[in-house]
């Protein structure tokens, strides 16, 4: 079994799923180098330190750290710094592997190819997995209570305070729009 097939199986085991299809295999081959895929299959959705991952892959820490940083920079895994230590973990297919690579922008031939493959994957199998059997990923749970809609445009000063008081803030383009070239 190739590392790409194993990686897809690992992503598919997540509640967000990654159903089998030719297009997802192509997507993973574009996003992950062979070495990155081999490292990724030794990771989990729970972050691990470089030394732990290097031991599982049987590679030196510098090689593994370089690959992990490359994958984190591409947005196909996440990195977390806590108390000075950096840990790395897998991200689910959605949200994660789909959105993050597009959040830095698009318009390159690789982004164009990925956009077409993601659309193909959605029609081929991913979309059906969200509404499929036996239990769809997304579903309506009736609570029999009304919700009052409260749309409001906040004044500049209020938004400025939201931003100022936030511990973290991230701004990114819409991955769905970027993936289709809009």
N, C-alpha and C. Protein backbone atom coordinates (compact mmCIF):
# COMPACT_ATOMS: atom_id res chain seq x y z
N UNK A 1 0.85 -1.18 0.00
CA UNK A 1 0.00 0.00 0.00
C UNK A 1 0.89 1.24 0.00
N UNK A 2 0.57 2.19 -0.87
CA UNK A 2 1.37 3.41 -0.95
C UNK A 2 1.07 4.31 0.25
N UNK A 3 2.01 5.20 0.60
CA UNK A 3 1.75 6.15 1.68
C UNK A 3 0.52 7.02 1.39
N UNK A 4 0.27 7.32 0.12
CA UNK A 4 -0.88 8.15 -0.23
C UNK A 4 -2.20 7.43 0.07
N UNK A 5 -2.26 6.15 -0.26
CA UNK A 5 -3.47 5.38 0.05
C UNK A 5 -3.67 5.27 1.56
N UNK A 6 -2.57 5.04 2.27
CA UNK A 6 -2.65 4.95 3.74
C UNK A 6 -3.07 6.29 4.33
N UNK A 7 -2.54 7.39 3.81
CA UNK A 7 -2.90 8.72 4.30
C UNK A 7 -4.39 8.98 4.09
N UNK A 8 -4.90 8.60 2.93
CA UNK A 8 -6.33 8.78 2.68
C UNK A 8 -7.16 7.97 3.67
N UNK A 9 -6.71 6.77 3.97
CA UNK A 9 -7.42 5.94 4.95
C UNK A 9 -7.43 6.59 6.33
N UNK A 10 -6.30 7.18 6.71
CA UNK A 10 -6.22 7.87 8.01
C UNK A 10 -7.17 9.06 8.02
N UNK A 11 -7.16 9.85 6.94
CA UNK A 11 -8.07 10.99 6.85
C UNK A 11 -9.53 10.52 6.83
N UNK A 12 -9.79 9.39 6.22
CA UNK A 12 -11.15 8.86 6.14
C UNK A 12 -11.64 8.38 7.50
N UNK A 13 -10.73 7.99 8.39
CA UNK A 13 -11.12 7.55 9.72
C UNK A 13 -11.59 8.71 10.60
N UNK A 14 -11.26 9.94 10.21
CA UNK A 14 -11.73 11.12 10.94
C UNK A 14 -13.22 11.29 10.68
N UNK A 15 -13.98 11.84 11.63
CA UNK A 15 -15.43 12.03 11.39
C UNK A 15 -15.76 12.83 10.13
N UNK A 16 -14.86 13.71 9.69
CA UNK A 16 -15.11 14.49 8.47
C UNK A 16 -14.94 13.65 7.21
N UNK A 17 -14.36 12.49 7.31
CA UNK A 17 -14.16 11.50 6.24
C UNK A 17 -13.30 11.99 5.07
N UNK A 18 -12.86 11.03 4.29
CA UNK A 18 -12.14 11.26 3.03
C UNK A 18 -12.43 10.05 2.15
N UNK A 19 -13.62 9.99 1.56
CA UNK A 19 -14.01 8.82 0.78
C UNK A 19 -13.04 8.53 -0.36
N UNK A 20 -12.97 7.26 -0.70
CA UNK A 20 -12.08 6.80 -1.76
C UNK A 20 -12.55 7.32 -3.12
N UNK A 21 -11.61 7.83 -3.90
CA UNK A 21 -11.87 8.29 -5.27
C UNK A 21 -10.54 8.58 -5.93
N UNK A 22 -10.50 8.49 -7.24
CA UNK A 22 -9.27 8.77 -7.98
C UNK A 22 -8.81 10.20 -7.76
N UNK A 23 -9.75 11.13 -7.67
CA UNK A 23 -9.40 12.54 -7.53
C UNK A 23 -8.70 12.84 -6.21
N UNK A 24 -9.09 12.18 -5.11
CA UNK A 24 -8.43 12.47 -3.83
C UNK A 24 -7.00 11.94 -3.86
N UNK A 25 -6.77 10.83 -4.53
CA UNK A 25 -5.40 10.33 -4.67
C UNK A 25 -4.53 11.35 -5.41
N UNK A 26 -5.07 11.95 -6.46
CA UNK A 26 -4.31 12.97 -7.20
C UNK A 26 -4.07 14.21 -6.33
N UNK A 27 -5.08 14.61 -5.57
CA UNK A 27 -4.95 15.78 -4.69
C UNK A 27 -3.83 15.55 -3.68
N UNK A 28 -3.83 14.38 -3.04
CA UNK A 28 -2.80 14.09 -2.03
C UNK A 28 -1.41 14.05 -2.66
N UNK A 29 -1.30 13.54 -3.87
CA UNK A 29 0.00 13.50 -4.55
C UNK A 29 0.51 14.89 -4.92
N UNK A 30 -0.40 15.82 -5.17
CA UNK A 30 0.00 17.20 -5.46
C UNK A 30 0.43 17.90 -4.17
N UNK A 31 -0.31 17.68 -3.10
CA UNK A 31 -0.05 18.41 -1.85
C UNK A 31 1.12 17.86 -1.05
N UNK A 32 1.31 16.54 -1.06
CA UNK A 32 2.35 15.90 -0.25
C UNK A 32 3.42 15.30 -1.15
N UNK A 33 4.69 15.61 -0.86
CA UNK A 33 5.77 14.90 -1.54
C UNK A 33 5.75 13.46 -1.01
N UNK A 34 6.44 12.52 -1.69
CA UNK A 34 6.47 11.15 -1.17
C UNK A 34 7.00 11.07 0.27
N UNK A 35 8.05 11.83 0.57
CA UNK A 35 8.60 11.82 1.93
C UNK A 35 7.60 12.41 2.93
N UNK A 36 6.92 13.49 2.54
CA UNK A 36 5.93 14.10 3.43
C UNK A 36 4.78 13.13 3.70
N UNK A 37 4.33 12.43 2.67
CA UNK A 37 3.24 11.45 2.85
C UNK A 37 3.69 10.34 3.80
N UNK A 38 4.94 9.89 3.65
CA UNK A 38 5.46 8.84 4.51
C UNK A 38 5.53 9.31 5.96
N UNK A 39 5.88 10.56 6.17
CA UNK A 39 5.91 11.11 7.53
C UNK A 39 4.48 11.28 8.06
N UNK A 40 3.60 11.80 7.22
CA UNK A 40 2.22 12.08 7.65
C UNK A 40 1.49 10.83 8.12
N UNK A 41 1.78 9.68 7.52
CA UNK A 41 1.07 8.46 7.93
C UNK A 41 1.49 8.00 9.33
N UNK A 42 2.54 8.59 9.87
CA UNK A 42 2.98 8.27 11.22
C UNK A 42 2.50 9.32 12.22
N UNK A 43 1.68 10.25 11.76
CA UNK A 43 1.17 11.31 12.62
C UNK A 43 -0.28 10.99 12.99
N UNK A 44 -0.83 11.84 13.85
CA UNK A 44 -2.24 11.69 14.22
C UNK A 44 -2.87 13.08 14.28
N UNK A 45 -4.15 13.13 14.56
CA UNK A 45 -4.83 14.41 14.68
C UNK A 45 -4.49 15.09 16.00
N UNK A 46 -3.93 14.33 16.92
CA UNK A 46 -3.43 14.88 18.18
C UNK A 46 -1.96 15.27 17.96
N UNK A 47 -1.60 16.52 18.26
CA UNK A 47 -0.23 16.97 17.96
C UNK A 47 0.85 16.18 18.71
N UNK A 48 1.96 15.96 17.98
CA UNK A 48 3.12 15.27 18.55
C UNK A 48 4.36 16.12 18.30
N UNK A 49 5.35 15.94 19.15
CA UNK A 49 6.62 16.66 19.00
C UNK A 49 7.47 15.98 17.92
N UNK A 50 8.41 16.74 17.38
CA UNK A 50 9.27 16.27 16.29
C UNK A 50 9.98 14.97 16.67
N UNK A 51 10.54 14.91 17.87
CA UNK A 51 11.30 13.72 18.28
C UNK A 51 10.43 12.46 18.23
N UNK A 52 9.20 12.59 18.66
CA UNK A 52 8.28 11.46 18.66
C UNK A 52 7.97 10.99 17.24
N UNK A 53 7.73 11.95 16.35
CA UNK A 53 7.43 11.61 14.95
C UNK A 53 8.67 11.02 14.28
N UNK A 54 9.83 11.61 14.53
CA UNK A 54 11.08 11.13 13.92
C UNK A 54 11.36 9.68 14.31
N UNK A 55 11.08 9.35 15.57
CA UNK A 55 11.30 7.98 16.04
C UNK A 55 10.37 7.00 15.31
N UNK A 56 9.12 7.40 15.10
CA UNK A 56 8.16 6.54 14.40
C UNK A 56 8.54 6.32 12.94
N UNK A 57 9.09 7.37 12.30
CA UNK A 57 9.43 7.31 10.88
C UNK A 57 10.83 6.74 10.67
N UNK A 58 11.61 6.70 11.75
CA UNK A 58 13.00 6.24 11.69
C UNK A 58 13.87 7.12 10.80
N UNK A 59 13.70 8.44 10.96
CA UNK A 59 14.53 9.43 10.28
C UNK A 59 15.09 10.39 11.32
N UNK A 60 16.16 11.10 10.96
CA UNK A 60 16.72 12.05 11.92
C UNK A 60 15.79 13.24 12.10
N UNK A 61 15.88 13.85 13.28
CA UNK A 61 14.96 14.93 13.65
C UNK A 61 15.02 16.12 12.70
N UNK A 62 16.21 16.48 12.21
CA UNK A 62 16.32 17.64 11.31
C UNK A 62 15.57 17.40 10.00
N UNK A 63 15.68 16.20 9.45
CA UNK A 63 14.97 15.87 8.21
C UNK A 63 13.46 15.93 8.44
N UNK A 64 13.02 15.35 9.54
CA UNK A 64 11.59 15.32 9.85
C UNK A 64 11.08 16.73 10.12
N UNK A 65 11.84 17.52 10.89
CA UNK A 65 11.41 18.89 11.19
C UNK A 65 11.28 19.71 9.91
N UNK A 66 12.22 19.56 9.00
CA UNK A 66 12.17 20.27 7.73
C UNK A 66 10.91 19.91 6.94
N UNK A 67 10.58 18.63 6.89
CA UNK A 67 9.37 18.18 6.19
C UNK A 67 8.11 18.67 6.90
N UNK A 68 8.11 18.62 8.22
CA UNK A 68 6.95 19.08 8.98
C UNK A 68 6.72 20.57 8.76
N UNK A 69 7.79 21.35 8.76
CA UNK A 69 7.66 22.79 8.52
C UNK A 69 7.14 23.06 7.11
N UNK A 70 7.62 22.29 6.15
CA UNK A 70 7.14 22.43 4.77
C UNK A 70 5.65 22.14 4.68
N UNK A 71 5.22 21.06 5.32
CA UNK A 71 3.79 20.71 5.29
C UNK A 71 2.95 21.75 6.02
N UNK A 72 3.43 22.24 7.16
CA UNK A 72 2.69 23.26 7.91
C UNK A 72 2.59 24.55 7.10
N UNK A 73 3.67 24.90 6.40
CA UNK A 73 3.67 26.10 5.57
C UNK A 73 2.67 25.98 4.41
N UNK A 74 2.50 24.76 3.90
CA UNK A 74 1.52 24.53 2.83
C UNK A 74 0.10 24.43 3.37
N UNK A 75 -0.04 24.31 4.69
CA UNK A 75 -1.36 24.22 5.30
C UNK A 75 -1.97 22.83 5.27
N UNK A 76 -1.15 21.81 5.09
CA UNK A 76 -1.69 20.45 5.00
C UNK A 76 -1.54 19.68 6.32
N UNK A 77 -0.85 20.27 7.30
CA UNK A 77 -0.85 19.83 8.69
C UNK A 77 -0.85 21.11 9.52
N UNK A 78 -1.01 20.98 10.83
CA UNK A 78 -0.93 22.18 11.66
C UNK A 78 0.24 22.07 12.61
N UNK A 79 0.72 23.23 13.03
CA UNK A 79 1.77 23.28 14.04
C UNK A 79 1.25 24.10 15.21
N UNK A 80 1.70 23.74 16.39
CA UNK A 80 1.27 24.44 17.59
C UNK A 80 2.47 24.65 18.50
N UNK A 81 2.62 25.87 18.95
CA UNK A 81 3.70 26.19 19.89
C UNK A 81 3.07 26.33 21.27
N UNK A 82 3.59 25.56 22.22
CA UNK A 82 3.09 25.62 23.59
C UNK A 82 4.27 25.50 24.54
N UNK A 83 4.43 26.48 25.38
CA UNK A 83 5.55 26.51 26.34
C UNK A 83 6.90 26.34 25.64
N UNK A 84 7.04 26.93 24.47
CA UNK A 84 8.29 26.88 23.73
C UNK A 84 8.49 25.63 22.89
N UNK A 85 7.63 24.63 23.05
CA UNK A 85 7.73 23.40 22.27
C UNK A 85 6.78 23.46 21.08
N UNK A 86 7.24 22.95 19.95
CA UNK A 86 6.40 22.91 18.75
C UNK A 86 5.94 21.48 18.54
N UNK A 87 4.64 21.34 18.31
CA UNK A 87 4.04 20.04 18.00
C UNK A 87 3.34 20.14 16.66
N UNK A 88 3.18 18.99 16.01
CA UNK A 88 2.56 18.94 14.69
C UNK A 88 1.48 17.87 14.68
N UNK A 89 0.41 18.15 13.95
CA UNK A 89 -0.67 17.19 13.84
C UNK A 89 -1.35 17.25 12.49
N UNK A 90 -2.06 16.20 12.17
CA UNK A 90 -2.84 16.17 10.94
C UNK A 90 -4.05 17.07 11.07
N UNK A 91 -4.54 17.55 9.95
CA UNK A 91 -5.80 18.28 9.91
C UNK A 91 -6.78 17.41 9.12
N UNK A 92 -8.07 17.51 9.43
CA UNK A 92 -9.04 16.74 8.65
C UNK A 92 -9.09 17.23 7.21
N UNK A 93 -9.74 16.49 6.38
CA UNK A 93 -9.87 16.88 4.98
C UNK A 93 -10.62 18.20 4.87
N UNK A 94 -11.79 18.28 5.55
CA UNK A 94 -12.58 19.51 5.57
C UNK A 94 -13.12 19.67 6.97
N UNK A 95 -12.89 20.76 7.66
CA UNK A 95 -12.03 21.86 7.26
C UNK A 95 -10.57 21.50 7.51
N UNK A 96 -9.72 21.86 6.61
CA UNK A 96 -8.30 21.59 6.75
C UNK A 96 -7.58 21.47 5.44
N UNK A 97 -7.39 20.24 4.98
CA UNK A 97 -6.58 19.99 3.78
C UNK A 97 -7.14 20.73 2.57
N UNK A 98 -8.46 20.86 2.48
CA UNK A 98 -9.04 21.62 1.37
C UNK A 98 -8.77 23.11 1.53
N UNK A 99 -9.16 23.70 2.65
CA UNK A 99 -9.15 25.15 2.80
C UNK A 99 -7.77 25.77 2.93
N UNK A 100 -6.94 25.22 3.80
CA UNK A 100 -5.71 25.90 4.16
C UNK A 100 -4.76 26.18 3.00
N UNK A 101 -4.55 25.25 2.06
CA UNK A 101 -3.67 25.58 0.94
C UNK A 101 -4.18 26.74 0.07
N UNK A 102 -5.49 26.96 0.03
CA UNK A 102 -6.05 28.05 -0.77
C UNK A 102 -6.05 29.38 -0.02
N UNK A 103 -5.90 29.36 1.28
CA UNK A 103 -6.01 30.58 2.07
C UNK A 103 -4.86 31.56 1.85
N UNK A 104 -3.79 31.09 1.28
CA UNK A 104 -2.68 31.99 0.95
C UNK A 104 -2.87 32.63 -0.42
N UNK A 105 -3.94 32.27 -1.10
CA UNK A 105 -4.21 32.82 -2.42
C UNK A 105 -4.27 31.72 -3.46
N UNK A 106 -4.45 32.13 -4.68
CA UNK A 106 -4.57 31.16 -5.76
C UNK A 106 -4.00 31.74 -7.04
N UNK A 107 -4.52 31.26 -8.14
CA UNK A 107 -4.11 31.79 -9.43
C UNK A 107 -2.89 31.13 -10.04
N UNK A 108 -2.30 30.15 -9.34
CA UNK A 108 -1.17 29.44 -9.91
C UNK A 108 -1.70 28.21 -10.65
N UNK A 109 -0.91 27.64 -11.54
CA UNK A 109 -1.36 26.41 -12.21
C UNK A 109 -1.69 25.28 -11.23
N UNK A 110 -0.93 25.18 -10.14
CA UNK A 110 -1.21 24.14 -9.14
C UNK A 110 -2.55 24.40 -8.47
N UNK A 111 -2.81 25.66 -8.09
CA UNK A 111 -4.10 25.99 -7.48
C UNK A 111 -5.25 25.71 -8.45
N UNK A 112 -5.06 26.05 -9.71
CA UNK A 112 -6.09 25.80 -10.71
C UNK A 112 -6.38 24.29 -10.82
N UNK A 113 -5.31 23.50 -10.87
CA UNK A 113 -5.46 22.04 -10.96
C UNK A 113 -6.15 21.49 -9.70
N UNK A 114 -5.71 21.97 -8.53
CA UNK A 114 -6.33 21.53 -7.28
C UNK A 114 -7.81 21.90 -7.24
N UNK A 115 -8.14 23.11 -7.68
CA UNK A 115 -9.53 23.54 -7.69
C UNK A 115 -10.41 22.62 -8.51
N UNK A 116 -9.92 22.24 -9.69
CA UNK A 116 -10.68 21.32 -10.56
C UNK A 116 -10.81 19.93 -9.92
N UNK A 117 -9.71 19.48 -9.30
CA UNK A 117 -9.75 18.16 -8.66
C UNK A 117 -10.68 18.14 -7.45
N UNK A 118 -10.68 19.22 -6.66
CA UNK A 118 -11.58 19.28 -5.51
C UNK A 118 -13.04 19.28 -5.97
N UNK A 119 -13.33 20.01 -7.03
CA UNK A 119 -14.70 20.02 -7.55
C UNK A 119 -15.09 18.62 -8.03
N UNK A 120 -14.17 17.98 -8.74
CA UNK A 120 -14.41 16.61 -9.21
C UNK A 120 -14.64 15.68 -8.02
N UNK A 121 -13.82 15.82 -7.00
CA UNK A 121 -13.94 14.98 -5.80
C UNK A 121 -15.28 15.20 -5.11
N UNK A 122 -15.70 16.45 -5.05
CA UNK A 122 -16.99 16.75 -4.42
C UNK A 122 -18.12 16.02 -5.14
N UNK A 123 -18.12 16.07 -6.46
CA UNK A 123 -19.17 15.41 -7.24
C UNK A 123 -19.01 13.89 -7.25
N UNK A 124 -17.75 13.44 -7.21
CA UNK A 124 -17.46 12.01 -7.30
C UNK A 124 -17.84 11.26 -6.02
N UNK A 125 -17.52 11.84 -4.85
CA UNK A 125 -17.81 11.08 -3.63
C UNK A 125 -17.91 11.91 -2.35
N UNK A 126 -17.22 13.01 -2.25
CA UNK A 126 -17.20 13.76 -0.99
C UNK A 126 -18.57 14.32 -0.64
N UNK A 127 -19.24 14.93 -1.60
CA UNK A 127 -20.55 15.51 -1.34
C UNK A 127 -21.54 14.48 -0.83
N UNK A 128 -21.53 13.31 -1.44
CA UNK A 128 -22.44 12.24 -1.02
C UNK A 128 -22.14 11.78 0.39
N UNK A 129 -20.87 11.83 0.80
CA UNK A 129 -20.53 11.37 2.15
C UNK A 129 -21.10 12.30 3.22
N UNK A 130 -21.31 13.56 2.88
CA UNK A 130 -21.88 14.50 3.85
C UNK A 130 -23.35 14.21 4.11
N UNK A 131 -24.04 13.67 3.12
CA UNK A 131 -25.47 13.42 3.26
C UNK A 131 -25.80 11.94 3.16
N UNK A 132 -24.78 11.10 3.20
CA UNK A 132 -24.97 9.68 2.88
C UNK A 132 -25.41 8.80 4.02
N UNK A 133 -25.33 7.52 3.74
CA UNK A 133 -25.76 6.49 4.68
C UNK A 133 -24.55 5.92 5.40
N UNK A 134 -24.67 5.34 6.55
CA UNK A 134 -25.89 5.27 7.33
C UNK A 134 -26.18 6.57 8.10
N UNK A 135 -25.14 7.31 8.46
CA UNK A 135 -25.35 8.56 9.19
C UNK A 135 -24.62 9.67 8.46
N UNK A 136 -25.34 10.68 8.00
CA UNK A 136 -24.67 11.78 7.30
C UNK A 136 -23.81 12.60 8.26
N UNK A 137 -22.75 13.19 7.73
CA UNK A 137 -21.88 14.04 8.54
C UNK A 137 -22.64 15.27 9.03
N UNK A 138 -23.43 15.86 8.15
CA UNK A 138 -24.18 17.05 8.51
C UNK A 138 -25.67 16.72 8.45
N UNK A 139 -26.36 17.08 9.50
CA UNK A 139 -27.79 16.82 9.52
C UNK A 139 -28.49 17.82 10.43
N UNK A 140 -29.78 17.94 10.26
CA UNK A 140 -30.60 18.83 11.07
C UNK A 140 -31.05 18.07 12.31
N UNK A 141 -30.86 18.69 13.46
CA UNK A 141 -31.34 18.12 14.71
C UNK A 141 -32.44 19.04 15.21
N UNK A 142 -33.69 18.61 15.16
CA UNK A 142 -34.78 19.49 15.58
C UNK A 142 -34.75 19.73 17.09
N UNK A 143 -34.80 20.99 17.48
CA UNK A 143 -34.84 21.35 18.90
C UNK A 143 -36.15 22.03 19.26
N UNK A 144 -36.97 22.29 18.25
CA UNK A 144 -38.30 22.86 18.42
C UNK A 144 -38.30 24.15 19.22
N UNK A 145 -37.34 25.00 18.94
CA UNK A 145 -37.29 26.34 19.53
C UNK A 145 -37.01 27.32 18.41
N UNK A 146 -37.50 28.52 18.55
CA UNK A 146 -37.25 29.53 17.52
C UNK A 146 -35.97 30.29 17.85
N UNK A 147 -35.35 30.78 16.81
CA UNK A 147 -34.13 31.57 16.95
C UNK A 147 -34.41 32.93 16.33
N UNK A 148 -34.14 33.95 17.09
CA UNK A 148 -34.36 35.31 16.59
C UNK A 148 -33.15 35.74 15.78
N UNK A 149 -33.39 36.10 14.54
CA UNK A 149 -32.30 36.58 13.68
C UNK A 149 -31.89 37.97 14.13
N UNK A 150 -30.60 38.16 14.28
CA UNK A 150 -30.10 39.46 14.72
C UNK A 150 -28.92 39.88 13.85
N UNK A 151 -29.21 40.23 12.63
CA UNK A 151 -28.16 40.74 11.75
C UNK A 151 -27.86 42.17 12.14
N UNK A 152 -26.60 42.49 12.20
CA UNK A 152 -26.22 43.84 12.61
C UNK A 152 -24.90 44.20 11.96
N UNK A 153 -24.82 45.39 11.46
CA UNK A 153 -23.55 45.91 10.96
C UNK A 153 -22.94 46.71 12.11
N UNK A 154 -21.77 46.27 12.54
CA UNK A 154 -21.12 46.93 13.67
C UNK A 154 -20.38 48.18 13.20
N UNK A 155 -20.42 49.23 14.00
CA UNK A 155 -19.66 50.43 13.64
C UNK A 155 -18.15 50.17 13.74
N UNK A 156 -17.39 50.95 13.01
CA UNK A 156 -15.94 50.82 12.94
C UNK A 156 -15.32 50.73 14.33
N UNK A 157 -15.72 51.61 15.24
CA UNK A 157 -15.12 51.67 16.57
C UNK A 157 -15.33 50.35 17.33
N UNK A 158 -16.50 49.77 17.15
CA UNK A 158 -16.80 48.51 17.83
C UNK A 158 -15.95 47.38 17.25
N UNK A 159 -15.83 47.33 15.93
CA UNK A 159 -15.01 46.31 15.28
C UNK A 159 -13.55 46.49 15.69
N UNK A 160 -13.10 47.72 15.76
CA UNK A 160 -11.73 48.01 16.19
C UNK A 160 -11.49 47.44 17.59
N UNK A 161 -12.46 47.59 18.48
CA UNK A 161 -12.33 47.04 19.83
C UNK A 161 -12.32 45.51 19.82
N UNK A 162 -13.15 44.90 18.97
CA UNK A 162 -13.14 43.43 18.86
C UNK A 162 -11.73 42.95 18.50
N UNK A 163 -11.15 43.59 17.51
CA UNK A 163 -9.82 43.20 17.04
C UNK A 163 -8.77 43.47 18.12
N UNK A 164 -8.84 44.61 18.74
CA UNK A 164 -7.87 44.99 19.77
C UNK A 164 -7.93 44.03 20.96
N UNK A 165 -9.11 43.58 21.32
CA UNK A 165 -9.27 42.72 22.50
C UNK A 165 -9.09 41.23 22.21
N UNK A 166 -8.96 40.86 20.95
CA UNK A 166 -8.79 39.45 20.60
C UNK A 166 -7.38 38.98 20.90
N UNK A 167 -7.27 37.75 21.39
CA UNK A 167 -5.95 37.17 21.62
C UNK A 167 -5.29 36.78 20.30
N UNK A 168 -6.10 36.29 19.37
CA UNK A 168 -5.60 35.87 18.07
C UNK A 168 -6.57 36.36 17.01
N UNK A 169 -6.04 36.61 15.83
CA UNK A 169 -6.89 37.00 14.71
C UNK A 169 -6.26 36.45 13.43
N UNK A 170 -7.10 36.00 12.55
CA UNK A 170 -6.63 35.49 11.26
C UNK A 170 -7.53 36.03 10.17
N UNK A 171 -6.93 36.46 9.10
CA UNK A 171 -7.67 36.92 7.93
C UNK A 171 -7.24 36.06 6.75
N UNK A 172 -8.21 35.56 6.02
CA UNK A 172 -7.89 34.70 4.88
C UNK A 172 -8.97 34.84 3.83
N UNK A 173 -8.55 34.62 2.61
CA UNK A 173 -9.51 34.59 1.52
C UNK A 173 -10.39 33.35 1.63
N UNK A 174 -11.54 33.39 1.02
CA UNK A 174 -12.47 32.26 1.04
C UNK A 174 -11.92 31.15 0.14
N UNK A 175 -11.61 30.01 0.76
CA UNK A 175 -11.02 28.90 0.02
C UNK A 175 -11.94 28.40 -1.10
N UNK A 176 -13.23 28.39 -0.86
CA UNK A 176 -14.16 27.91 -1.89
C UNK A 176 -14.12 28.81 -3.12
N UNK A 177 -14.11 30.12 -2.89
CA UNK A 177 -14.07 31.06 -4.01
C UNK A 177 -12.72 30.99 -4.73
N UNK A 178 -11.64 30.92 -3.97
CA UNK A 178 -10.31 30.86 -4.58
C UNK A 178 -10.16 29.58 -5.39
N UNK A 179 -10.71 28.47 -4.89
CA UNK A 179 -10.55 27.18 -5.58
C UNK A 179 -11.22 27.16 -6.95
N UNK A 180 -12.24 28.02 -7.14
CA UNK A 180 -12.90 28.08 -8.45
C UNK A 180 -12.47 29.31 -9.24
N UNK A 181 -11.45 30.00 -8.75
CA UNK A 181 -10.88 31.13 -9.49
C UNK A 181 -11.64 32.42 -9.39
N UNK A 182 -12.40 32.63 -8.33
CA UNK A 182 -13.15 33.88 -8.16
C UNK A 182 -12.54 34.75 -7.10
